[in-house]
Amino acid sequence: MVSKATRNKIEKAWNYKCAICDAKDYLEVHHLISKSEGGKDDFDNLILLCSRCHAVVHNRTYNPDNYKVNASISYDAAIPILEKYFANEIGARETKNKLNLSEKTHLSESSVYKRYKREHNIDKFYNNVDLVNSKRRKTDV
């Protein structure tokens, strides 16, 4: 299993885009030399692919309606939930529950969370207090 640090390094190296089609959503790490053939979880053996390209590379059928169905909800349905979270109206636990994420999942690893941050130009977010303060600073200037 690829560590979070390695995944973050791969995402940055590929500019948060699929190595084949430049898609920015539903990104997965792909081993150039598969683990079954002795490939390692090293940076040099990994690339970033969207779920569609990853399915094609492995000769699988891609079904966009069945992509990690249990992991989350559609982006459009997630927007109002994430807006409440970033407005500090609901906490992380309630947000994960409404997004159908496991209690063990970090919100920051969710694809809908990443997309929301990217589309709303939220680059540095450690907690809701930081976000509220940064918004306040922008309006005070």
Protein backbone atom coordinates (compact mmCIF):
# COMPACT_ATOMS: atom_id res chain seq x y z
CA MET A 1 0.00 0.00 0.00
CA VAL A 2 1.29 3.44 -0.97
CA SER A 3 1.95 5.73 2.00
CA LYS A 4 0.20 9.09 2.30
CA ALA A 5 3.53 10.88 1.94
CA THR A 6 4.33 9.02 -1.29
CA ARG A 7 0.82 9.62 -2.65
CA ASN A 8 1.14 13.35 -1.89
CA LYS A 9 4.51 13.42 -3.66
CA ILE A 10 3.03 11.61 -6.71
CA GLU A 11 0.05 13.99 -6.82
CA LYS A 12 2.34 17.03 -6.74
CA ALA A 13 4.66 15.55 -9.37
CA TRP A 14 1.75 14.99 -11.75
CA ASN A 15 0.21 18.38 -10.89
CA TYR A 16 -2.92 16.69 -9.49
CA LYS A 17 -3.83 15.45 -12.99
CA CYS A 18 -4.10 12.10 -14.71
CA ALA A 19 -0.85 11.24 -16.50
CA ILE A 20 -2.82 10.25 -19.62
CA CYS A 21 -5.82 12.55 -20.03
CA ASP A 22 -5.19 15.41 -17.54
CA ALA A 23 -8.45 14.71 -15.65
CA LYS A 24 -8.42 16.15 -12.13
CA ASP A 25 -11.05 13.99 -10.40
CA TYR A 26 -11.07 10.41 -9.13
CA LEU A 27 -7.30 10.07 -9.22
CA GLU A 28 -5.63 6.78 -8.36
CA VAL A 29 -2.03 5.65 -8.02
CA HIS A 30 -0.91 3.12 -10.65
CA HIS A 31 2.14 0.87 -10.40
CA LEU A 32 4.18 0.83 -13.62
CA ILE A 33 5.57 -2.57 -12.64
CA SER A 34 2.76 -4.34 -10.82
CA LYS A 35 3.31 -5.60 -7.31
CA SER A 36 2.61 -9.15 -8.52
CA GLU A 37 5.61 -8.78 -10.85
CA GLY A 38 7.87 -7.46 -8.10
CA GLY A 39 7.07 -3.76 -8.41
CA LYS A 40 7.51 -1.60 -5.33
CA ASP A 41 5.55 1.25 -3.79
CA ASP A 42 8.43 3.58 -4.63
CA PHE A 43 7.96 7.01 -6.20
CA ASP A 44 9.78 5.93 -9.38
CA ASN A 45 7.33 3.07 -9.96
CA LEU A 46 4.13 5.09 -9.57
CA ILE A 47 2.06 7.43 -11.74
CA LEU A 48 -1.28 9.17 -11.22
CA LEU A 49 -4.25 8.04 -13.31
CA CYS A 50 -7.94 8.90 -13.26
CA SER A 51 -10.26 5.97 -12.61
CA ARG A 52 -11.24 5.77 -16.31
CA CYS A 53 -7.65 5.56 -17.58
CA HIS A 54 -6.70 3.22 -14.74
CA ALA A 55 -9.52 0.86 -15.77
CA VAL A 56 -8.36 0.96 -19.41
CA VAL A 57 -4.73 0.22 -18.45
CA HIS A 58 -5.91 -2.87 -16.55
CA ASN A 59 -8.37 -3.94 -19.27
CA ARG A 60 -11.35 -3.41 -16.96
CA THR A 61 -14.70 -1.93 -17.84
CA TYR A 62 -15.16 1.56 -16.45
CA ASN A 63 -18.55 2.34 -14.95
CA PRO A 64 -18.80 5.98 -13.81
CA ASP A 65 -22.01 5.22 -11.91
CA ASN A 66 -20.23 2.60 -9.84
CA TYR A 67 -17.02 4.42 -8.95
CA LYS A 68 -16.42 3.94 -5.23
CA VAL A 69 -20.15 3.97 -4.59
CA ASN A 70 -19.64 3.23 -0.92
CA ALA A 71 -16.91 5.82 -0.49
CA SER A 72 -18.77 9.04 -1.13
CA ILE A 73 -21.64 10.80 -2.85
CA SER A 74 -21.81 12.81 -6.05
CA TYR A 75 -20.00 16.12 -6.11
CA ASP A 76 -23.20 18.11 -6.69
CA ALA A 77 -24.81 16.50 -3.64
CA ALA A 78 -21.65 17.13 -1.59
CA ILE A 79 -21.48 20.88 -2.27
CA PRO A 80 -24.09 21.99 0.31
CA ILE A 81 -22.57 19.67 2.92
CA LEU A 82 -19.07 21.00 2.31
CA GLU A 83 -20.34 24.59 2.35
CA LYS A 84 -21.74 23.96 5.84
CA TYR A 85 -18.48 22.35 6.90
CA PHE A 86 -16.32 25.21 5.63
CA ALA A 87 -18.75 27.73 7.20
CA ASN A 88 -18.15 25.96 10.52
CA GLU A 89 -21.83 25.01 10.80
CA ILE A 90 -21.12 21.27 11.06
CA GLY A 91 -18.09 19.36 12.26
CA ALA A 92 -15.86 16.82 10.57
CA ARG A 93 -17.67 13.79 12.01
CA GLU A 94 -21.07 14.96 10.76
CA THR A 95 -19.56 15.93 7.39
CA LYS A 96 -18.03 12.46 6.95
CA ASN A 97 -21.34 10.88 7.88
CA LYS A 98 -23.28 12.97 5.35
CA LEU A 99 -20.67 12.28 2.64
CA ASN A 100 -20.91 8.53 3.36
CA LEU A 101 -17.26 8.39 4.35
CA SER A 102 -15.85 6.03 6.94
CA GLU A 103 -15.05 7.44 10.39
CA LYS A 104 -11.44 6.43 9.72
CA THR A 105 -11.22 8.37 6.44
CA HIS A 106 -9.54 11.75 6.60
CA LEU A 107 -11.76 14.37 4.99
CA SER A 108 -8.74 15.81 3.19
CA GLU A 109 -8.33 12.52 1.26
CA SER A 110 -11.88 12.57 -0.15
CA SER A 111 -12.11 13.40 -3.86
CA VAL A 112 -15.17 15.61 -3.36
CA TYR A 113 -13.34 17.55 -0.63
CA LYS A 114 -10.28 18.04 -2.86
CA ARG A 115 -12.42 19.17 -5.79
CA TYR A 116 -14.36 21.62 -3.61
CA LYS A 117 -11.12 23.14 -2.30
CA ARG A 118 -9.73 23.45 -5.83
CA GLU A 119 -12.89 25.02 -7.29
CA HIS A 120 -13.22 27.49 -4.40
CA ASN A 121 -9.52 28.43 -4.39
CA ILE A 122 -8.96 27.19 -0.86
CA ASP A 123 -5.26 26.43 -0.84
CA LYS A 124 -4.31 26.43 2.84
CA PHE A 125 -6.82 24.92 5.23
CA TYR A 126 -5.88 23.38 8.54
CA ASN A 127 -9.16 23.89 10.32
CA ASN A 128 -12.29 26.01 10.12
CA VAL A 129 -10.84 28.75 12.34
CA ASP A 130 -8.01 29.29 9.84
CA LEU A 131 -10.48 29.53 6.97
CA VAL A 132 -12.76 31.98 8.79
CA ASN A 133 -9.77 34.13 9.75
CA SER A 134 -8.36 34.12 6.21
CA LYS A 135 -11.76 35.17 4.81
CA ARG A 136 -11.99 37.91 7.45
CA ARG A 137 -8.50 39.18 6.51
CA LYS A 138 -9.49 39.37 2.82
CA THR A 139 -12.55 41.49 3.64
CA ASP A 140 -10.69 43.72 6.12
CA VAL A 141 -8.06 44.74 3.57
